[in-house]
Amino acid sequence: MIFPAYTPFIQPLPVWGHLAQLAWVLPICAALSIVYKSIRCHTMSRVPREAAVIFAMILGGMIFAAAVLALLVKLLV
């Protein structure tokens, strides 16, 4: 099988085939934040609130990083 040529960093291969694949980020971030906070909190009554906070921080950081990288690509290309 012959793959068509592409130019790295100018015309990269597509990573996401469908937008539904991007939805896997939400349950992975939720599971990560719940498990982390259930280990770190002294009482389990504090876990839901603190897990929600760290969940929002993870998503906010990922959105910020995506925006910065998109801006960087727009400026350099």
Protein backbone atom coordinates (compact mmCIF):
# COMPACT_ATOMS: atom_id res chain seq x y z
CA MET A 1 0.00 0.00 0.00
CA ILE A 2 1.38 3.40 -0.96
CA PHE A 3 0.66 6.27 1.37
CA PRO A 4 0.26 9.75 -0.10
CA ALA A 5 3.07 12.14 0.69
CA TYR A 6 2.57 14.83 3.27
CA THR A 7 4.65 17.68 4.60
CA PRO A 8 5.22 17.41 8.35
CA PHE A 9 4.14 20.47 10.37
CA ILE A 10 2.58 22.04 7.26
CA GLN A 11 0.05 19.37 6.22
CA PRO A 12 0.05 16.85 9.10
CA LEU A 13 -1.88 13.60 9.02
CA PRO A 14 -5.32 13.89 10.60
CA VAL A 15 -5.46 12.74 14.21
CA TRP A 16 -9.17 13.04 14.89
CA GLY A 17 -11.44 11.21 12.48
CA HIS A 18 -14.62 12.25 14.22
CA LEU A 19 -15.52 14.80 16.85
CA ALA A 20 -16.91 12.00 19.04
CA GLN A 21 -13.36 10.81 19.68
CA LEU A 22 -12.67 14.12 21.38
CA ALA A 23 -15.51 13.38 23.85
CA TRP A 24 -13.33 10.72 25.51
CA VAL A 25 -11.44 13.56 27.18
CA LEU A 26 -14.32 14.27 29.58
CA PRO A 27 -14.66 10.82 31.22
CA ILE A 28 -10.89 10.39 31.41
CA CYS A 29 -10.49 13.75 33.17
CA ALA A 30 -13.42 12.95 35.48
CA ALA A 31 -12.01 9.56 36.42
CA LEU A 32 -8.55 11.01 36.98
CA SER A 33 -9.81 13.79 39.22
CA ILE A 34 -12.08 11.50 41.28
CA VAL A 35 -9.37 8.91 41.86
CA TYR A 36 -6.74 11.52 42.71
CA LYS A 37 -8.95 13.39 45.15
CA SER A 38 -10.29 10.21 46.76
CA ILE A 39 -6.70 9.31 47.61
CA ARG A 40 -5.68 12.80 48.80
CA CYS A 41 -8.75 13.95 50.79
CA HIS A 42 -9.01 13.16 54.48
CA THR A 43 -12.80 12.69 54.40
CA MET A 44 -14.86 11.31 51.55
CA SER A 45 -17.48 14.03 51.97
CA ARG A 46 -15.03 16.53 50.46
CA VAL A 47 -14.23 14.43 47.37
CA PRO A 48 -17.10 15.49 45.03
CA ARG A 49 -16.50 19.22 45.45
CA GLU A 50 -12.73 19.04 45.19
CA ALA A 51 -12.90 16.58 42.29
CA ALA A 52 -15.18 19.01 40.44
CA VAL A 53 -12.67 21.80 41.01
CA ILE A 54 -9.71 19.81 39.73
CA PHE A 55 -11.83 18.55 36.79
CA ALA A 56 -12.52 22.15 35.79
CA MET A 57 -8.86 23.05 36.22
CA ILE A 58 -7.74 20.18 33.97
CA LEU A 59 -10.24 21.09 31.24
CA GLY A 60 -9.42 24.78 31.53
CA GLY A 61 -5.72 24.07 31.23
CA MET A 62 -6.25 21.87 28.19
CA ILE A 63 -8.45 24.47 26.50
CA PHE A 64 -5.89 27.19 27.27
CA ALA A 65 -3.04 25.06 25.90
CA ALA A 66 -5.04 24.31 22.75
CA ALA A 67 -5.78 28.00 22.22
CA VAL A 68 -2.14 28.99 22.70
CA LEU A 69 -0.95 26.28 20.31
CA ALA A 70 -3.58 27.23 17.72
CA LEU A 71 -2.51 30.87 17.96
CA LEU A 72 1.13 29.86 17.64
CA VAL A 73 0.39 27.83 14.52
CA LYS A 74 -1.60 30.72 12.99
CA LEU A 75 1.25 33.15 13.65
CA LEU A 76 4.02 30.92 12.35
CA VAL A 77 2.33 29.56 9.24
